[in-house]
Amino acid sequence: MIKILVATKNFKKINELNEFLDKNIFSLLNLEELNIDFTVEETGNTFEENAILKAKQYGEQSSVLTIADDSGLEVTLLNGEPGVFSARYGGEGKTDQDRNNFLIQNLQPFKDQEIFAKFVCVVAIWDPNLLEVTTFKGEIEGRIHLKSKGINGFGYDSLFYVPSKNKTFSEMSLLEKQKISHRGQAMTKAVEFLYQLSKSNYDEKDKSSRPI
């Protein structure tokens, strides 16, 4: 069994990753289970920099294979905002609804225009054996609707409309969202890497147990 620390306090993200992995091979751990109570400062200027910071620092603290991600919404008419500040948009301590309201407020001058946006996600995996971080990226383009629709998901999902599906992310099932979302794309690549890693580890164990 390969243990993986999922470096997030967002249990919905952990549940999403859990759907991708074979539970007979991987066992997911959260920060609380490993008594890790510090928060990594997301000081990077890009999603990749922040994902690497979290994977590396939490990985070094736990000495366990660690997966972290950084993701967010980039709105073209707002010059890419909220971007890397998506989780802190409008200030610290805000709820998803607070951030959605703040975004809607900032987009009022453009309410009669099509509001193009994209979701971006970078997943980083820290390998405790090699002491290296590998990253995977996914993104999806869409539009922003200034009225929330749907009850699923989290963050800006209820405002992010995907024309090809004629739905917001919040109107999609988890499975439907995973197939096309930025996180689903990045996570699919990351999971493939994890399975390759697990196979390599098992192969090495098999070799070590064979008679010479």
C-alpha atoms as a PDB file:
ATOM      1  CA  MET A   1       0.000   0.000   0.000  1.00  0.00           C
ATOM      2  CA  ILE A   2       1.407   3.374  -1.029  1.00  0.00           C
ATOM      3  CA  LYS A   3       0.577   6.254   1.277  1.00  0.00           C
ATOM      4  CA  ILE A   4      -0.061   9.679  -0.235  1.00  0.00           C
ATOM      5  CA  LEU A   5      -0.428  12.879   1.709  1.00  0.00           C
ATOM      6  CA  VAL A   6      -3.006  15.117   0.037  1.00  0.00           C
ATOM      7  CA  ALA A   7      -1.757  18.565   1.038  1.00  0.00           C
ATOM      8  CA  THR A   8      -5.035  20.433   1.321  1.00  0.00           C
ATOM      9  CA  LYS A   9      -7.601  21.280   3.978  1.00  0.00           C
ATOM     10  CA  ASN A  10     -10.331  21.081   1.357  1.00  0.00           C
ATOM     11  CA  PHE A  11     -11.906  17.649   1.821  1.00  0.00           C
ATOM     12  CA  LYS A  12     -13.839  17.992  -1.442  1.00  0.00           C
ATOM     13  CA  LYS A  13     -10.506  17.957  -3.281  1.00  0.00           C
ATOM     14  CA  ILE A  14      -9.475  14.839  -1.355  1.00  0.00           C
ATOM     15  CA  ASN A  15     -12.733  13.139  -2.303  1.00  0.00           C
ATOM     16  CA  GLU A  16     -12.194  14.032  -5.961  1.00  0.00           C
ATOM     17  CA  LEU A  17      -8.692  12.489  -5.936  1.00  0.00           C
ATOM     18  CA  ASN A  18     -10.003   9.413  -4.143  1.00  0.00           C
ATOM     19  CA  GLU A  19     -12.292   8.735  -7.113  1.00  0.00           C
ATOM     20  CA  PHE A  20      -9.271   8.480  -9.425  1.00  0.00           C
ATOM     21  CA  LEU A  21      -7.215   5.981  -7.414  1.00  0.00           C
ATOM     22  CA  ASP A  22      -7.327   2.238  -6.774  1.00  0.00           C
ATOM     23  CA  LYS A  23      -7.906   1.924  -3.030  1.00  0.00           C
ATOM     24  CA  ASN A  24      -6.069  -1.422  -3.043  1.00  0.00           C
ATOM     25  CA  ILE A  25      -2.870   0.326  -4.084  1.00  0.00           C
ATOM     26  CA  PHE A  26      -3.090   3.823  -2.600  1.00  0.00           C
ATOM     27  CA  SER A  27      -4.061   5.089   0.823  1.00  0.00           C
ATOM     28  CA  LEU A  28      -4.798   8.813   1.100  1.00  0.00           C
ATOM     29  CA  LEU A  29      -3.819  10.779   4.173  1.00  0.00           C
ATOM     30  CA  ASN A  30      -4.781  14.309   5.124  1.00  0.00           C
ATOM     31  CA  LEU A  31      -2.783  16.909   7.022  1.00  0.00           C
ATOM     32  CA  GLU A  32      -4.679  16.371  10.256  1.00  0.00           C
ATOM     33  CA  GLU A  33      -3.941  12.649  10.295  1.00  0.00           C
ATOM     34  CA  LEU A  34      -0.219  13.421  10.234  1.00  0.00           C
ATOM     35  CA  ASN A  35      -0.555  16.180  12.855  1.00  0.00           C
ATOM     36  CA  ILE A  36       0.587  18.846  10.416  1.00  0.00           C
ATOM     37  CA  ASP A  37      -0.971  22.103  11.507  1.00  0.00           C
ATOM     38  CA  PHE A  38       1.100  24.772   9.762  1.00  0.00           C
ATOM     39  CA  THR A  39       0.017  26.543   6.597  1.00  0.00           C
ATOM     40  CA  VAL A  40       2.352  26.986   3.644  1.00  0.00           C
ATOM     41  CA  GLU A  41       2.467  30.599   2.516  1.00  0.00           C
ATOM     42  CA  GLU A  42       1.461  30.756  -1.152  1.00  0.00           C
ATOM     43  CA  THR A  43       3.999  33.377  -2.161  1.00  0.00           C
ATOM     44  CA  GLY A  44       4.414  32.232  -5.765  1.00  0.00           C
ATOM     45  CA  ASN A  45       3.467  34.350  -8.759  1.00  0.00           C
ATOM     46  CA  THR A  46       2.069  31.386 -10.676  1.00  0.00           C
ATOM     47  CA  PHE A  47      -0.096  28.343  -9.950  1.00  0.00           C
ATOM     48  CA  GLU A  48       2.927  26.122 -10.613  1.00  0.00           C
ATOM     49  CA  GLU A  49       5.114  27.946  -8.094  1.00  0.00           C
ATOM     50  CA  ASN A  50       2.462  27.682  -5.385  1.00  0.00           C
ATOM     51  CA  ALA A  51       1.752  23.996  -6.061  1.00  0.00           C
ATOM     52  CA  ILE A  52       5.470  23.221  -5.826  1.00  0.00           C
ATOM     53  CA  LEU A  53       5.813  25.182  -2.586  1.00  0.00           C
ATOM     54  CA  LYS A  54       3.013  23.200  -0.957  1.00  0.00           C
ATOM     55  CA  ALA A  55       4.079  19.779  -2.233  1.00  0.00           C
ATOM     56  CA  LYS A  56       7.703  20.305  -1.228  1.00  0.00           C
ATOM     57  CA  GLN A  57       7.150  21.822   2.221  1.00  0.00           C
ATOM     58  CA  TYR A  58       4.408  19.444   3.307  1.00  0.00           C
ATOM     59  CA  GLY A  59       6.343  16.543   1.776  1.00  0.00           C
ATOM     60  CA  GLU A  60       9.519  17.408   3.658  1.00  0.00           C
ATOM     61  CA  GLN A  61       7.523  17.726   6.868  1.00  0.00           C
ATOM     62  CA  SER A  62       5.811  14.344   6.458  1.00  0.00           C
ATOM     63  CA  SER A  63       8.467  12.329   4.550  1.00  0.00           C
ATOM     64  CA  VAL A  64       5.514  10.851   2.638  1.00  0.00           C
ATOM     65  CA  LEU A  65       4.723  10.956  -1.075  1.00  0.00           C
ATOM     66  CA  THR A  66       2.831  14.235  -1.273  1.00  0.00           C
ATOM     67  CA  ILE A  67       0.405  15.689  -3.786  1.00  0.00           C
ATOM     68  CA  ALA A  68      -0.651  19.337  -3.791  1.00  0.00           C
ATOM     69  CA  ASP A  69      -2.337  21.604  -6.245  1.00  0.00           C
ATOM     70  CA  ASP A  70      -2.948  25.247  -6.903  1.00  0.00           C
ATOM     71  CA  SER A  71      -5.784  26.327  -9.082  1.00  0.00           C
ATOM     72  CA  GLY A  72      -7.885  29.314  -9.830  1.00  0.00           C
ATOM     73  CA  LEU A  73      -9.998  31.364 -12.146  1.00  0.00           C
ATOM     74  CA  GLU A  74      -8.624  33.834 -14.678  1.00  0.00           C
ATOM     75  CA  VAL A  75     -11.107  36.338 -16.078  1.00  0.00           C
ATOM     76  CA  THR A  76      -9.971  38.029 -19.292  1.00  0.00           C
ATOM     77  CA  LEU A  77     -11.801  41.332 -18.682  1.00  0.00           C
ATOM     78  CA  LEU A  78     -10.176  41.574 -15.243  1.00  0.00           C
ATOM     79  CA  ASN A  79      -6.671  41.080 -16.673  1.00  0.00           C
ATOM     80  CA  GLY A  80      -6.474  37.557 -15.328  1.00  0.00           C
ATOM     81  CA  GLU A  81      -7.912  38.201 -11.872  1.00  0.00           C
ATOM     82  CA  PRO A  82      -8.470  36.623  -9.456  1.00  0.00           C
ATOM     83  CA  GLY A  83      -5.716  34.257 -10.657  1.00  0.00           C
ATOM     84  CA  VAL A  84      -3.398  32.980  -7.918  1.00  0.00           C
ATOM     85  CA  PHE A  85      -5.477  34.938  -5.414  1.00  0.00           C
ATOM     86  CA  SER A  86      -8.664  33.003  -6.260  1.00  0.00           C
ATOM     87  CA  ALA A  87      -8.893  31.436  -2.800  1.00  0.00           C
ATOM     88  CA  ARG A  88      -8.252  34.797  -1.113  1.00  0.00           C
ATOM     89  CA  TYR A  89     -10.156  37.079  -3.472  1.00  0.00           C
ATOM     90  CA  GLY A  90     -11.663  39.978  -1.569  1.00  0.00           C
ATOM     91  CA  GLY A  91      -9.578  39.259   1.537  1.00  0.00           C
ATOM     92  CA  GLU A  92      -8.745  36.485   3.964  1.00  0.00           C
ATOM     93  CA  GLY A  93     -11.452  34.583   5.806  1.00  0.00           C
ATOM     94  CA  LYS A  94     -14.088  34.925   3.088  1.00  0.00           C
ATOM     95  CA  THR A  95     -16.510  32.166   2.156  1.00  0.00           C
ATOM     96  CA  ASP A  96     -17.045  30.861  -1.380  1.00  0.00           C
ATOM     97  CA  GLN A  97     -20.221  32.915  -1.529  1.00  0.00           C
ATOM     98  CA  ASP A  98     -18.348  36.054  -0.416  1.00  0.00           C
ATOM     99  CA  ARG A  99     -15.792  35.574  -3.176  1.00  0.00           C
ATOM    100  CA  ASN A 100     -18.470  34.909  -5.766  1.00  0.00           C
ATOM    101  CA  ASN A 101     -20.286  38.080  -4.748  1.00  0.00           C
ATOM    102  CA  PHE A 102     -17.061  40.069  -4.938  1.00  0.00           C
ATOM    103  CA  LEU A 103     -16.386  38.741  -8.436  1.00  0.00           C
ATOM    104  CA  ILE A 104     -19.923  39.570  -9.573  1.00  0.00           C
ATOM    105  CA  GLN A 105     -19.539  43.063  -8.159  1.00  0.00           C
ATOM    106  CA  ASN A 106     -16.269  43.631 -10.026  1.00  0.00           C
ATOM    107  CA  LEU A 107     -17.825  42.423 -13.273  1.00  0.00           C
ATOM    108  CA  GLN A 108     -20.872  44.687 -13.171  1.00  0.00           C
ATOM    109  CA  PRO A 109     -19.308  47.164 -15.664  1.00  0.00           C
ATOM    110  CA  PHE A 110     -19.171  44.277 -18.168  1.00  0.00           C
ATOM    111  CA  LYS A 111     -22.607  42.773 -17.494  1.00  0.00           C
ATOM    112  CA  ASP A 112     -23.751  43.327 -21.083  1.00  0.00           C
ATOM    113  CA  GLN A 113     -20.695  41.606 -22.566  1.00  0.00           C
ATOM    114  CA  GLU A 114     -19.604  38.010 -22.906  1.00  0.00           C
ATOM    115  CA  ILE A 115     -17.241  37.423 -20.012  1.00  0.00           C
ATOM    116  CA  PHE A 116     -14.529  34.992 -21.068  1.00  0.00           C
ATOM    117  CA  ALA A 117     -12.601  33.109 -18.410  1.00  0.00           C
ATOM    118  CA  LYS A 118     -10.621  29.966 -17.814  1.00  0.00           C
ATOM    119  CA  PHE A 119      -9.909  27.687 -14.895  1.00  0.00           C
ATOM    120  CA  VAL A 120      -6.283  26.589 -14.457  1.00  0.00           C
ATOM    121  CA  CYS A 121      -4.911  23.844 -12.223  1.00  0.00           C
ATOM    122  CA  VAL A 122      -1.365  22.682 -11.558  1.00  0.00           C
ATOM    123  CA  VAL A 123      -0.820  19.478  -9.582  1.00  0.00           C
ATOM    124  CA  ALA A 124       2.575  18.888  -7.980  1.00  0.00           C
ATOM    125  CA  ILE A 125       3.875  15.569  -6.629  1.00  0.00           C
ATOM    126  CA  TRP A 126       6.831  15.418  -4.249  1.00  0.00           C
ATOM    127  CA  ASP A 127       8.745  12.125  -4.226  1.00  0.00           C
ATOM    128  CA  PRO A 128      10.434  11.480  -0.851  1.00  0.00           C
ATOM    129  CA  ASN A 129      12.862   9.018  -2.429  1.00  0.00           C
ATOM    130  CA  LEU A 130      14.181  11.294  -5.176  1.00  0.00           C
ATOM    131  CA  LEU A 131      13.464  14.569  -3.317  1.00  0.00           C
ATOM    132  CA  GLU A 132      12.011  15.901  -6.562  1.00  0.00           C
ATOM    133  CA  VAL A 133       8.752  17.601  -7.557  1.00  0.00           C
ATOM    134  CA  THR A 134       6.907  16.782 -10.802  1.00  0.00           C
ATOM    135  CA  THR A 135       4.067  19.001 -12.052  1.00  0.00           C
ATOM    136  CA  PHE A 136       1.027  18.510 -14.288  1.00  0.00           C
ATOM    137  CA  LYS A 137      -1.240  21.211 -15.734  1.00  0.00           C
ATOM    138  CA  GLY A 138      -4.813  21.388 -16.949  1.00  0.00           C
ATOM    139  CA  GLU A 139      -7.089  24.218 -18.044  1.00  0.00           C
ATOM    140  CA  ILE A 140     -10.560  24.777 -19.457  1.00  0.00           C
ATOM    141  CA  GLU A 141     -12.086  27.828 -21.077  1.00  0.00           C
ATOM    142  CA  GLY A 142     -15.611  29.056 -20.434  1.00  0.00           C
ATOM    143  CA  ARG A 143     -17.746  32.043 -19.584  1.00  0.00           C
ATOM    144  CA  ILE A 144     -18.792  33.741 -16.356  1.00  0.00           C
ATOM    145  CA  HIS A 145     -22.504  33.975 -15.612  1.00  0.00           C
ATOM    146  CA  LEU A 146     -23.361  36.693 -13.125  1.00  0.00           C
ATOM    147  CA  LYS A 147     -26.031  34.545 -11.481  1.00  0.00           C
ATOM    148  CA  SER A 148     -25.162  31.349  -9.651  1.00  0.00           C
ATOM    149  CA  LYS A 149     -26.532  28.123 -11.085  1.00  0.00           C
ATOM    150  CA  GLY A 150     -26.300  24.643  -9.596  1.00  0.00           C
ATOM    151  CA  ILE A 151     -25.655  23.155  -6.179  1.00  0.00           C
ATOM    152  CA  ASN A 152     -22.577  20.945  -6.702  1.00  0.00           C
ATOM    153  CA  GLY A 153     -18.896  21.753  -6.573  1.00  0.00           C
ATOM    154  CA  PHE A 154     -17.201  24.581  -4.725  1.00  0.00           C
ATOM    155  CA  GLY A 155     -15.380  27.860  -5.274  1.00  0.00           C
ATOM    156  CA  TYR A 156     -16.505  29.641  -8.439  1.00  0.00           C
ATOM    157  CA  ASP A 157     -18.144  26.541  -9.934  1.00  0.00           C
ATOM    158  CA  SER A 158     -21.651  27.986  -9.851  1.00  0.00           C
ATOM    159  CA  LEU A 159     -20.576  30.976 -11.974  1.00  0.00           C
ATOM    160  CA  PHE A 160     -18.370  29.132 -14.472  1.00  0.00           C
ATOM    161  CA  TYR A 161     -20.386  28.189 -17.556  1.00  0.00           C
ATOM    162  CA  VAL A 162     -19.117  25.653 -20.112  1.00  0.00           C
ATOM    163  CA  PRO A 163     -20.764  26.332 -23.512  1.00  0.00           C
ATOM    164  CA  SER A 164     -20.177  22.837 -24.888  1.00  0.00           C
ATOM    165  CA  LYS A 165     -22.138  21.368 -21.965  1.00  0.00           C
ATOM    166  CA  ASN A 166     -24.625  24.233 -21.612  1.00  0.00           C
ATOM    167  CA  LYS A 167     -24.069  23.991 -17.862  1.00  0.00           C
ATOM    168  CA  THR A 168     -22.070  25.541 -15.076  1.00  0.00           C
ATOM    169  CA  PHE A 169     -19.672  23.302 -13.188  1.00  0.00           C
ATOM    170  CA  SER A 170     -22.135  23.312 -10.293  1.00  0.00           C
ATOM    171  CA  GLU A 171     -24.838  21.881 -12.544  1.00  0.00           C
ATOM    172  CA  MET A 172     -22.644  18.887 -13.426  1.00  0.00           C
ATOM    173  CA  SER A 173     -22.214  15.640 -11.537  1.00  0.00           C
ATOM    174  CA  LEU A 174     -18.756  15.019 -10.092  1.00  0.00           C
ATOM    175  CA  LEU A 175     -18.033  12.442 -12.792  1.00  0.00           C
ATOM    176  CA  GLU A 176     -19.137  14.760 -15.588  1.00  0.00           C
ATOM    177  CA  LYS A 177     -17.048  17.606 -14.205  1.00  0.00           C
ATOM    178  CA  GLN A 178     -13.948  15.429 -13.732  1.00  0.00           C
ATOM    179  CA  LYS A 179     -13.943  14.418 -17.393  1.00  0.00           C
ATOM    180  CA  ILE A 180     -13.466  17.991 -18.624  1.00  0.00           C
ATOM    181  CA  SER A 181     -12.335  20.176 -15.734  1.00  0.00           C
ATOM    182  CA  HIS A 182      -8.939  21.775 -15.275  1.00  0.00           C
ATOM    183  CA  ARG A 183      -8.379  19.717 -12.139  1.00  0.00           C
ATOM    184  CA  GLY A 184      -9.609  16.560 -13.836  1.00  0.00           C
ATOM    185  CA  GLN A 185      -7.119  17.056 -16.690  1.00  0.00           C
ATOM    186  CA  ALA A 186      -4.187  17.752 -14.368  1.00  0.00           C
ATOM    187  CA  MET A 187      -5.180  14.980 -11.986  1.00  0.00           C
ATOM    188  CA  THR A 188      -5.511  12.413 -14.783  1.00  0.00           C
ATOM    189  CA  LYS A 189      -1.894  13.102 -15.766  1.00  0.00           C
ATOM    190  CA  ALA A 190      -0.797  13.032 -12.127  1.00  0.00           C
ATOM    191  CA  VAL A 191      -2.587   9.743 -11.443  1.00  0.00           C
ATOM    192  CA  GLU A 192      -0.927   8.132 -14.467  1.00  0.00           C
ATOM    193  CA  PHE A 193       2.405   9.227 -12.998  1.00  0.00           C
ATOM    194  CA  LEU A 194       1.454   7.778  -9.583  1.00  0.00           C
ATOM    195  CA  TYR A 195       0.607   4.412 -11.131  1.00  0.00           C
ATOM    196  CA  GLN A 196       3.944   4.378 -12.960  1.00  0.00           C
ATOM    197  CA  LEU A 197       5.619   5.199  -9.667  1.00  0.00           C
ATOM    198  CA  SER A 198       3.757   2.417  -7.873  1.00  0.00           C
ATOM    199  CA  LYS A 199       4.665  -0.102 -10.564  1.00  0.00           C
ATOM    200  CA  SER A 200       8.295   0.902 -10.335  1.00  0.00           C
ATOM    201  CA  ASN A 201       8.233   0.501  -6.566  1.00  0.00           C
ATOM    202  CA  TYR A 202       6.571  -2.903  -6.803  1.00  0.00           C
ATOM    203  CA  ASP A 203       9.022  -4.014  -9.465  1.00  0.00           C
ATOM    204  CA  GLU A 204      11.939  -3.019  -7.252  1.00  0.00           C
ATOM    205  CA  LYS A 205      10.427  -4.935  -4.325  1.00  0.00           C
ATOM    206  CA  ASP A 206       9.890  -7.983  -6.556  1.00  0.00           C
ATOM    207  CA  LYS A 207      13.504  -7.832  -7.726  1.00  0.00           C
ATOM    208  CA  SER A 208      14.811  -7.581  -4.178  1.00  0.00           C
ATOM    209  CA  SER A 209      12.835 -10.663  -3.120  1.00  0.00           C
ATOM    210  CA  ARG A 210      14.012 -12.877  -5.999  1.00  0.00           C
ATOM    211  CA  PRO A 211      16.757 -15.442  -5.338  1.00  0.00           C
ATOM    212  CA  ILE A 212      20.164 -14.570  -6.809  1.00  0.00           C
END
